[in-house]
C-alpha atoms as a PDB file:
ATOM      1  CA  UNK A   1     266.498 -65.450 -47.213  1.00  0.00           C
ATOM      2  CA  UNK A   2     266.102 -62.373 -44.999  1.00  0.00           C
ATOM      3  CA  UNK A   3     269.174 -61.164 -43.112  1.00  0.00           C
ATOM      4  CA  UNK A   4     268.437 -58.813 -40.239  1.00  0.00           C
ATOM      5  CA  UNK A   5     270.660 -55.783 -40.610  1.00  0.00           C
ATOM      6  CA  UNK A   6     271.407 -54.784 -37.026  1.00  0.00           C
ATOM      7  CA  UNK A   7     274.548 -54.767 -34.953  1.00  0.00           C
ATOM      8  CA  UNK A   8     274.859 -57.469 -32.324  1.00  0.00           C
ATOM      9  CA  UNK A   9     276.081 -55.145 -29.556  1.00  0.00           C
ATOM     10  CA  UNK A  10     274.939 -51.648 -28.711  1.00  0.00           C
ATOM     11  CA  UNK A  11     272.525 -50.757 -31.468  1.00  0.00           C
ATOM     12  CA  UNK A  12     273.273 -48.414 -34.341  1.00  0.00           C
ATOM     13  CA  UNK A  13     274.251 -45.355 -32.325  1.00  0.00           C
ATOM     14  CA  UNK A  14     276.410 -46.889 -29.604  1.00  0.00           C
ATOM     15  CA  UNK A  15     279.376 -49.239 -29.711  1.00  0.00           C
ATOM     16  CA  UNK A  16     277.847 -51.318 -26.885  1.00  0.00           C
ATOM     17  CA  UNK A  17     274.606 -51.427 -24.965  1.00  0.00           C
ATOM     18  CA  UNK A  18     273.848 -50.362 -21.421  1.00  0.00           C
ATOM     19  CA  UNK A  19     272.734 -53.832 -20.324  1.00  0.00           C
ATOM     20  CA  UNK A  20     275.918 -55.459 -21.583  1.00  0.00           C
ATOM     21  CA  UNK A  21     278.017 -52.807 -19.855  1.00  0.00           C
ATOM     22  CA  UNK A  22     276.197 -53.110 -16.490  1.00  0.00           C
ATOM     23  CA  UNK A  23     276.550 -56.875 -16.534  1.00  0.00           C
ATOM     24  CA  UNK A  24     280.252 -56.821 -17.416  1.00  0.00           C
ATOM     25  CA  UNK A  25     280.945 -54.008 -14.938  1.00  0.00           C
ATOM     26  CA  UNK A  26     279.229 -55.750 -12.026  1.00  0.00           C
ATOM     27  CA  UNK A  27     280.985 -59.006 -12.935  1.00  0.00           C
ATOM     28  CA  UNK A  28     284.220 -57.120 -12.231  1.00  0.00           C
ATOM     29  CA  UNK A  29     285.536 -57.251 -15.797  1.00  0.00           C
ATOM     30  CA  UNK A  30     286.153 -53.495 -16.167  1.00  0.00           C
ATOM     31  CA  UNK A  31     284.679 -53.313 -19.685  1.00  0.00           C
ATOM     32  CA  UNK A  32     286.022 -50.768 -22.182  1.00  0.00           C
ATOM     33  CA  UNK A  33     288.700 -49.505 -19.811  1.00  0.00           C
ATOM     34  CA  UNK A  34     286.379 -48.802 -16.889  1.00  0.00           C
ATOM     35  CA  UNK A  35     287.480 -49.364 -13.316  1.00  0.00           C
ATOM     36  CA  UNK A  36     287.163 -52.911 -12.003  1.00  0.00           C
ATOM     37  CA  UNK A  37     284.890 -53.538  -9.036  1.00  0.00           C
ATOM     38  CA  UNK A  38     284.615 -56.444  -6.632  1.00  0.00           C
ATOM     39  CA  UNK A  39     281.596 -58.467  -7.858  1.00  0.00           C
ATOM     40  CA  UNK A  40     280.609 -59.334  -4.281  1.00  0.00           C
ATOM     41  CA  UNK A  41     280.702 -55.687  -3.174  1.00  0.00           C
ATOM     42  CA  UNK A  42     279.106 -54.212  -6.292  1.00  0.00           C
ATOM     43  CA  UNK A  43     278.826 -50.505  -7.029  1.00  0.00           C
ATOM     44  CA  UNK A  44     276.379 -47.608  -6.584  1.00  0.00           C
ATOM     45  CA  UNK A  45     274.116 -46.679  -9.500  1.00  0.00           C
ATOM     46  CA  UNK A  46     275.765 -43.266  -9.911  1.00  0.00           C
ATOM     47  CA  UNK A  47     279.198 -44.874 -10.315  1.00  0.00           C
ATOM     48  CA  UNK A  48     277.899 -47.401 -12.839  1.00  0.00           C
ATOM     49  CA  UNK A  49     276.268 -44.595 -14.837  1.00  0.00           C
ATOM     50  CA  UNK A  50     279.459 -42.495 -14.779  1.00  0.00           C
ATOM     51  CA  UNK A  51     281.642 -45.420 -15.881  1.00  0.00           C
ATOM     52  CA  UNK A  52     279.149 -46.267 -18.666  1.00  0.00           C
ATOM     53  CA  UNK A  53     279.249 -42.710 -20.034  1.00  0.00           C
ATOM     54  CA  UNK A  54     283.052 -42.583 -19.867  1.00  0.00           C
ATOM     55  CA  UNK A  55     283.407 -46.001 -21.520  1.00  0.00           C
ATOM     56  CA  UNK A  56     281.090 -44.862 -24.328  1.00  0.00           C
ATOM     57  CA  UNK A  57     283.173 -41.713 -24.742  1.00  0.00           C
ATOM     58  CA  UNK A  58     286.408 -43.732 -24.940  1.00  0.00           C
ATOM     59  CA  UNK A  59     284.954 -46.193 -27.448  1.00  0.00           C
ATOM     60  CA  UNK A  60     283.539 -43.386 -29.594  1.00  0.00           C
ATOM     61  CA  UNK A  61     286.837 -41.472 -29.525  1.00  0.00           C
ATOM     62  CA  UNK A  62     288.707 -44.651 -30.464  1.00  0.00           C
ATOM     63  CA  UNK A  63     286.385 -45.257 -33.442  1.00  0.00           C
ATOM     64  CA  UNK A  64     286.730 -41.651 -34.609  1.00  0.00           C
ATOM     65  CA  UNK A  65     290.522 -41.754 -34.231  1.00  0.00           C
ATOM     66  CA  UNK A  66     290.702 -45.035 -36.155  1.00  0.00           C
ATOM     67  CA  UNK A  67     288.687 -43.494 -38.998  1.00  0.00           C
ATOM     68  CA  UNK A  68     290.949 -40.414 -39.104  1.00  0.00           C
ATOM     69  CA  UNK A  69     294.120 -42.516 -39.006  1.00  0.00           C
ATOM     70  CA  UNK A  70     292.755 -44.853 -41.679  1.00  0.00           C
ATOM     71  CA  UNK A  71     292.063 -41.894 -43.967  1.00  0.00           C
ATOM     72  CA  UNK A  72     295.564 -40.541 -43.321  1.00  0.00           C
ATOM     73  CA  UNK A  73     297.131 -43.904 -44.190  1.00  0.00           C
ATOM     74  CA  UNK A  74     295.050 -44.195 -47.371  1.00  0.00           C
ATOM     75  CA  UNK A  75     296.377 -40.780 -48.404  1.00  0.00           C
ATOM     76  CA  UNK A  76     299.925 -42.055 -47.906  1.00  0.00           C
ATOM     77  CA  UNK A  77     300.856 -40.578 -44.526  1.00  0.00           C
ATOM     78  CA  UNK A  78     302.930 -42.526 -42.029  1.00  0.00           C
ATOM     79  CA  UNK A  79     301.263 -42.355 -38.640  1.00  0.00           C
ATOM     80  CA  UNK A  80     303.405 -43.052 -35.580  1.00  0.00           C
ATOM     81  CA  UNK A  81     302.102 -44.386 -32.293  1.00  0.00           C
ATOM     82  CA  UNK A  82     302.603 -40.956 -30.713  1.00  0.00           C
ATOM     83  CA  UNK A  83     300.580 -39.247 -33.456  1.00  0.00           C
ATOM     84  CA  UNK A  84     297.844 -41.867 -33.140  1.00  0.00           C
ATOM     85  CA  UNK A  85     297.668 -41.279 -29.376  1.00  0.00           C
ATOM     86  CA  UNK A  86     297.464 -37.496 -29.896  1.00  0.00           C
ATOM     87  CA  UNK A  87     294.593 -37.984 -32.359  1.00  0.00           C
ATOM     88  CA  UNK A  88     292.806 -40.268 -29.885  1.00  0.00           C
ATOM     89  CA  UNK A  89     293.255 -37.793 -27.009  1.00  0.00           C
ATOM     90  CA  UNK A  90     292.007 -34.940 -29.201  1.00  0.00           C
ATOM     91  CA  UNK A  91     288.913 -36.925 -30.189  1.00  0.00           C
ATOM     92  CA  UNK A  92     288.335 -37.942 -26.562  1.00  0.00           C
ATOM     93  CA  UNK A  93     288.197 -34.268 -25.574  1.00  0.00           C
ATOM     94  CA  UNK A  94     285.685 -33.589 -28.363  1.00  0.00           C
ATOM     95  CA  UNK A  95     283.214 -36.297 -27.332  1.00  0.00           C
ATOM     96  CA  UNK A  96     280.234 -34.814 -25.532  1.00  0.00           C
ATOM     97  CA  UNK A  97     279.318 -36.761 -22.404  1.00  0.00           C
ATOM     98  CA  UNK A  98     275.671 -36.112 -23.242  1.00  0.00           C
ATOM     99  CA  UNK A  99     275.790 -37.795 -26.640  1.00  0.00           C
ATOM    100  CA  UNK A 100     274.294 -41.076 -25.454  1.00  0.00           C
ATOM    101  CA  UNK A 101     270.729 -39.734 -25.068  1.00  0.00           C
ATOM    102  CA  UNK A 102     270.502 -41.596 -21.755  1.00  0.00           C
ATOM    103  CA  UNK A 103     270.257 -39.122 -18.945  1.00  0.00           C
ATOM    104  CA  UNK A 104     270.627 -40.152 -15.324  1.00  0.00           C
ATOM    105  CA  UNK A 105     266.873 -40.469 -14.785  1.00  0.00           C
ATOM    106  CA  UNK A 106     266.608 -42.770 -17.802  1.00  0.00           C
ATOM    107  CA  UNK A 107     269.495 -44.804 -16.416  1.00  0.00           C
ATOM    108  CA  UNK A 108     267.645 -45.141 -13.085  1.00  0.00           C
ATOM    109  CA  UNK A 109     264.504 -46.276 -14.899  1.00  0.00           C
ATOM    110  CA  UNK A 110     266.583 -48.816 -16.865  1.00  0.00           C
ATOM    111  CA  UNK A 111     268.182 -50.009 -13.628  1.00  0.00           C
ATOM    112  CA  UNK A 112     264.702 -50.343 -12.115  1.00  0.00           C
ATOM    113  CA  UNK A 113     263.859 -52.841 -14.849  1.00  0.00           C
ATOM    114  CA  UNK A 114     266.933 -54.858 -13.886  1.00  0.00           C
ATOM    115  CA  UNK A 115     265.751 -54.833 -10.263  1.00  0.00           C
ATOM    116  CA  UNK A 116     262.270 -56.032 -11.266  1.00  0.00           C
ATOM    117  CA  UNK A 117     263.864 -58.830 -13.299  1.00  0.00           C
ATOM    118  CA  UNK A 118     265.807 -59.692 -10.109  1.00  0.00           C
ATOM    119  CA  UNK A 119     269.104 -59.489 -12.019  1.00  0.00           C
ATOM    120  CA  UNK A 120     270.604 -57.021  -9.522  1.00  0.00           C
ATOM    121  CA  UNK A 121     270.237 -56.824  -5.760  1.00  0.00           C
ATOM    122  CA  UNK A 122     271.122 -54.433  -2.980  1.00  0.00           C
ATOM    123  CA  UNK A 123     274.184 -55.360  -0.949  1.00  0.00           C
ATOM    124  CA  UNK A 124     274.762 -54.516   2.681  1.00  0.00           C
ATOM    125  CA  UNK A 125     277.463 -52.046   1.571  1.00  0.00           C
ATOM    126  CA  UNK A 126     276.497 -48.364   1.822  1.00  0.00           C
ATOM    127  CA  UNK A 127     278.451 -45.145   2.154  1.00  0.00           C
ATOM    128  CA  UNK A 128     277.680 -41.535   2.897  1.00  0.00           C
ATOM    129  CA  UNK A 129     276.747 -39.424  -0.097  1.00  0.00           C
ATOM    130  CA  UNK A 130     278.126 -35.968  -0.767  1.00  0.00           C
ATOM    131  CA  UNK A 131     274.598 -34.599  -0.483  1.00  0.00           C
ATOM    132  CA  UNK A 132     274.582 -35.591   3.194  1.00  0.00           C
ATOM    133  CA  UNK A 133     277.162 -32.869   3.905  1.00  0.00           C
ATOM    134  CA  UNK A 134     274.370 -30.296   3.486  1.00  0.00           C
ATOM    135  CA  UNK A 135     271.323 -32.517   4.050  1.00  0.00           C
ATOM    136  CA  UNK A 136     272.069 -35.150   6.709  1.00  0.00           C
ATOM    137  CA  UNK A 137     268.729 -36.854   6.137  1.00  0.00           C
ATOM    138  CA  UNK A 138     269.544 -37.553   2.458  1.00  0.00           C
ATOM    139  CA  UNK A 139     269.840 -41.240   1.549  1.00  0.00           C
ATOM    140  CA  UNK A 140     273.179 -43.018   1.560  1.00  0.00           C
ATOM    141  CA  UNK A 141     274.776 -44.448  -1.562  1.00  0.00           C
ATOM    142  CA  UNK A 142     273.539 -48.014  -1.938  1.00  0.00           C
ATOM    143  CA  UNK A 143     275.632 -50.687  -3.621  1.00  0.00           C
ATOM    144  CA  UNK A 144     274.205 -53.202  -6.103  1.00  0.00           C
ATOM    145  CA  UNK A 145     275.567 -56.487  -7.387  1.00  0.00           C
ATOM    146  CA  UNK A 146     274.435 -59.117  -9.854  1.00  0.00           C
ATOM    147  CA  UNK A 147     272.262 -61.967  -8.655  1.00  0.00           C
ATOM    148  CA  UNK A 148     272.718 -65.567  -9.782  1.00  0.00           C
ATOM    149  CA  UNK A 149     269.718 -65.036 -12.044  1.00  0.00           C
ATOM    150  CA  UNK A 150     271.378 -61.986 -13.611  1.00  0.00           C
ATOM    151  CA  UNK A 151     274.672 -63.788 -14.123  1.00  0.00           C
ATOM    152  CA  UNK A 152     272.964 -66.780 -15.733  1.00  0.00           C
ATOM    153  CA  UNK A 153     270.729 -64.729 -18.066  1.00  0.00           C
ATOM    154  CA  UNK A 154     271.693 -64.911 -21.722  1.00  0.00           C
ATOM    155  CA  UNK A 155     273.224 -62.029 -23.667  1.00  0.00           C
ATOM    156  CA  UNK A 156     270.102 -61.754 -25.812  1.00  0.00           C
ATOM    157  CA  UNK A 157     267.960 -61.109 -22.731  1.00  0.00           C
ATOM    158  CA  UNK A 158     270.439 -58.491 -21.459  1.00  0.00           C
ATOM    159  CA  UNK A 159     270.356 -56.734 -24.836  1.00  0.00           C
ATOM    160  CA  UNK A 160     266.808 -55.537 -24.145  1.00  0.00           C
ATOM    161  CA  UNK A 161     265.718 -56.020 -20.517  1.00  0.00           C
ATOM    162  CA  UNK A 162     262.447 -54.138 -21.029  1.00  0.00           C
ATOM    163  CA  UNK A 163     261.295 -56.643 -23.661  1.00  0.00           C
ATOM    164  CA  UNK A 164     262.483 -59.426 -21.355  1.00  0.00           C
ATOM    165  CA  UNK A 165     260.340 -58.029 -18.523  1.00  0.00           C
ATOM    166  CA  UNK A 166     257.355 -57.418 -20.810  1.00  0.00           C
ATOM    167  CA  UNK A 167     257.623 -59.972 -23.643  1.00  0.00           C
ATOM    168  CA  UNK A 168     254.197 -59.016 -25.038  1.00  0.00           C
ATOM    169  CA  UNK A 169     255.305 -55.501 -26.008  1.00  0.00           C
ATOM    170  CA  UNK A 170     258.433 -56.645 -27.856  1.00  0.00           C
ATOM    171  CA  UNK A 171     256.793 -57.826 -31.080  1.00  0.00           C
ATOM    172  CA  UNK A 172     254.575 -54.743 -31.330  1.00  0.00           C
ATOM    173  CA  UNK A 173     257.693 -52.531 -31.393  1.00  0.00           C
ATOM    174  CA  UNK A 174     259.531 -54.574 -33.985  1.00  0.00           C
ATOM    175  CA  UNK A 175     259.350 -53.606 -37.646  1.00  0.00           C
ATOM    176  CA  UNK A 176     257.347 -56.020 -39.770  1.00  0.00           C
ATOM    177  CA  UNK A 177     259.557 -57.752 -42.368  1.00  0.00           C
ATOM    178  CA  UNK A 178     256.889 -58.750 -44.888  1.00  0.00           C
END
C-alpha cells in the first residue's frame, strides 16, 4: 500500500494554502485571525493579499513559539501564559512578510485563475485608491466576492485551482510513484 506523504492543507512550506484562505476570507469567516468581511460586499485583491500574508505570519509565529515552548517544557521549565505570549510576539516580529514566495504579481495571476474558473466575481462596490491622489485617472479599487460556483467547489479543487482550470497539465507535474 502506498501512502502519499503530503500535508492536506497548505503544502510543505505553508500552514495553509492561498486558495483555502481566499475562499474562507471571502465567505466572511476571518480565517487565522484575519479581519472578517461581508460575503456579499467582498474585498479588493490588495486587501485579500495583505490579510493572507499577515495570517501566514501569525500561523508561522504560532508554530515557532509552540516549538520553543515545547522545548522549554521538555527541559523542565514552567512557562506561564505571559511568557508564552511574549515568545509569540517576539517570533511574530521575526517573521519576514516576504517568506511566502508569493509576491503581489503572483497573487494577481493566481486570482486571475479564480476569475477564469468563475469562482470569484466583481461586485458593484468600488472605492478610490490611494494612487488616485496623485494620478486621478488610476483605476479604483474593485471588490470581489465568491460566486455560487466558487462556494460549491470542493476543497480538493480549491487546493490547486491551476490544475482545476487545466486538468491535462496536472498529471504531468505529479511525481510518478512507480
